[in-house]
């Protein structure tokens, strides 16, 4: 079992959206302030030494996670949409 709250909250959804895919449902993480704080802090800790000018978030999870990371790093945020 992981020491990270976020990892314990992620739910596996087999065969979604189609057979053979194991979807990782992060909704319980998003609903938990301590888990989200943990995730954002870890990403910021990883990214800070790289001194980014901007954080790019690819929809849709990237939007949710990218903005607070950008704010913590005090840089801009650019949302990127998938084609279609």
C-alpha atoms as a PDB file:
ATOM      1  CA  UNK A   1       0.000   0.000   0.000  1.00  0.00           C
ATOM      2  CA  UNK A   2       1.279   3.445  -0.895  1.00  0.00           C
ATOM      3  CA  UNK A   3       2.101   6.124   1.664  1.00  0.00           C
ATOM      4  CA  UNK A   4       0.549   8.698  -0.652  1.00  0.00           C
ATOM      5  CA  UNK A   5      -3.077   9.523   0.070  1.00  0.00           C
ATOM      6  CA  UNK A   6      -3.696  10.334  -3.591  1.00  0.00           C
ATOM      7  CA  UNK A   7      -2.519   6.912  -4.754  1.00  0.00           C
ATOM      8  CA  UNK A   8      -4.803   5.206  -2.251  1.00  0.00           C
ATOM      9  CA  UNK A   9      -7.792   7.204  -3.515  1.00  0.00           C
ATOM     10  CA  UNK A  10      -7.355   6.535  -7.252  1.00  0.00           C
ATOM     11  CA  UNK A  11      -9.941   4.003  -8.374  1.00  0.00           C
ATOM     12  CA  UNK A  12      -9.374   1.443 -11.146  1.00  0.00           C
ATOM     13  CA  UNK A  13     -12.295   1.061 -13.556  1.00  0.00           C
ATOM     14  CA  UNK A  14     -11.697  -2.004 -15.756  1.00  0.00           C
ATOM     15  CA  UNK A  15     -12.897  -2.105 -19.349  1.00  0.00           C
ATOM     16  CA  UNK A  16     -13.716   1.607 -19.530  1.00  0.00           C
ATOM     17  CA  UNK A  17     -14.302   3.216 -21.943  1.00  0.00           C
ATOM     18  CA  UNK A  18     -13.850  -0.033 -23.858  1.00  0.00           C
ATOM     19  CA  UNK A  19     -12.747  -3.616 -23.163  1.00  0.00           C
ATOM     20  CA  UNK A  20      -9.072  -3.972 -22.328  1.00  0.00           C
ATOM     21  CA  UNK A  21      -8.666  -0.425 -20.959  1.00  0.00           C
ATOM     22  CA  UNK A  22      -8.014   0.150 -17.249  1.00  0.00           C
ATOM     23  CA  UNK A  23      -9.254   3.679 -16.541  1.00  0.00           C
ATOM     24  CA  UNK A  24      -7.784   5.500 -13.548  1.00  0.00           C
ATOM     25  CA  UNK A  25     -10.566   7.504 -11.888  1.00  0.00           C
ATOM     26  CA  UNK A  26      -9.021  10.498 -10.096  1.00  0.00           C
ATOM     27  CA  UNK A  27     -12.374  11.953  -9.003  1.00  0.00           C
ATOM     28  CA  UNK A  28     -11.830  10.916  -5.349  1.00  0.00           C
ATOM     29  CA  UNK A  29      -8.479  12.741  -5.420  1.00  0.00           C
ATOM     30  CA  UNK A  30     -10.115  15.878  -6.814  1.00  0.00           C
ATOM     31  CA  UNK A  31     -12.696  15.737  -4.019  1.00  0.00           C
ATOM     32  CA  UNK A  32     -10.036  15.594  -1.299  1.00  0.00           C
ATOM     33  CA  UNK A  33      -8.153  18.792  -0.429  1.00  0.00           C
ATOM     34  CA  UNK A  34      -5.305  16.880   1.318  1.00  0.00           C
ATOM     35  CA  UNK A  35      -4.873  14.548  -1.667  1.00  0.00           C
ATOM     36  CA  UNK A  36      -4.931  17.397  -4.198  1.00  0.00           C
ATOM     37  CA  UNK A  37      -2.461  19.388  -2.089  1.00  0.00           C
ATOM     38  CA  UNK A  38      -0.195  16.327  -2.057  1.00  0.00           C
ATOM     39  CA  UNK A  39      -0.400  15.914  -5.853  1.00  0.00           C
ATOM     40  CA  UNK A  40       0.171  19.600  -6.611  1.00  0.00           C
ATOM     41  CA  UNK A  41       3.070  19.823  -4.147  1.00  0.00           C
ATOM     42  CA  UNK A  42       4.744  16.789  -5.746  1.00  0.00           C
ATOM     43  CA  UNK A  43       4.376  18.158  -9.271  1.00  0.00           C
ATOM     44  CA  UNK A  44       5.675  21.572  -8.192  1.00  0.00           C
ATOM     45  CA  UNK A  45       8.635  19.952  -6.409  1.00  0.00           C
ATOM     46  CA  UNK A  46       9.473  18.096  -9.636  1.00  0.00           C
ATOM     47  CA  UNK A  47       8.981  21.079 -11.970  1.00  0.00           C
ATOM     48  CA  UNK A  48      10.511  23.944  -9.963  1.00  0.00           C
ATOM     49  CA  UNK A  49      14.184  23.063 -10.683  1.00  0.00           C
ATOM     50  CA  UNK A  50      13.398  23.234 -14.423  1.00  0.00           C
ATOM     51  CA  UNK A  51      12.345  26.888 -14.024  1.00  0.00           C
ATOM     52  CA  UNK A  52       9.410  26.752 -16.443  1.00  0.00           C
ATOM     53  CA  UNK A  53       8.079  29.935 -18.040  1.00  0.00           C
ATOM     54  CA  UNK A  54       4.617  28.458 -18.449  1.00  0.00           C
ATOM     55  CA  UNK A  55       2.639  25.325 -17.587  1.00  0.00           C
ATOM     56  CA  UNK A  56       0.731  23.681 -20.432  1.00  0.00           C
ATOM     57  CA  UNK A  57      -2.282  21.573 -19.471  1.00  0.00           C
ATOM     58  CA  UNK A  58      -3.745  19.127 -21.971  1.00  0.00           C
ATOM     59  CA  UNK A  59      -7.494  18.613 -21.507  1.00  0.00           C
ATOM     60  CA  UNK A  60      -9.134  17.592 -19.410  1.00  0.00           C
ATOM     61  CA  UNK A  61      -7.098  16.413 -16.442  1.00  0.00           C
ATOM     62  CA  UNK A  62      -4.324  18.764 -17.472  1.00  0.00           C
ATOM     63  CA  UNK A  63      -6.667  21.705 -16.986  1.00  0.00           C
ATOM     64  CA  UNK A  64      -7.537  20.615 -13.459  1.00  0.00           C
ATOM     65  CA  UNK A  65      -3.958  19.916 -12.390  1.00  0.00           C
ATOM     66  CA  UNK A  66      -2.082  22.452 -14.500  1.00  0.00           C
ATOM     67  CA  UNK A  67      -3.633  25.652 -13.192  1.00  0.00           C
ATOM     68  CA  UNK A  68      -2.788  25.139  -9.501  1.00  0.00           C
ATOM     69  CA  UNK A  69       0.724  24.017 -10.489  1.00  0.00           C
ATOM     70  CA  UNK A  70       1.199  27.181 -12.550  1.00  0.00           C
ATOM     71  CA  UNK A  71      -0.065  29.301  -9.668  1.00  0.00           C
ATOM     72  CA  UNK A  72       2.324  27.634  -7.208  1.00  0.00           C
ATOM     73  CA  UNK A  73       5.213  28.182  -9.639  1.00  0.00           C
ATOM     74  CA  UNK A  74       4.044  31.769 -10.261  1.00  0.00           C
ATOM     75  CA  UNK A  75       4.010  31.279 -14.033  1.00  0.00           C
ATOM     76  CA  UNK A  76       1.356  31.396 -16.731  1.00  0.00           C
ATOM     77  CA  UNK A  77      -0.956  28.591 -17.717  1.00  0.00           C
ATOM     78  CA  UNK A  78      -1.887  27.571 -21.270  1.00  0.00           C
ATOM     79  CA  UNK A  79      -4.799  25.157 -21.747  1.00  0.00           C
ATOM     80  CA  UNK A  80      -4.452  22.933 -24.812  1.00  0.00           C
ATOM     81  CA  UNK A  81      -7.404  21.172 -26.399  1.00  0.00           C
ATOM     82  CA  UNK A  82      -7.270  17.874 -28.242  1.00  0.00           C
ATOM     83  CA  UNK A  83      -8.114  17.846 -31.937  1.00  0.00           C
ATOM     84  CA  UNK A  84     -11.762  17.351 -32.717  1.00  0.00           C
END
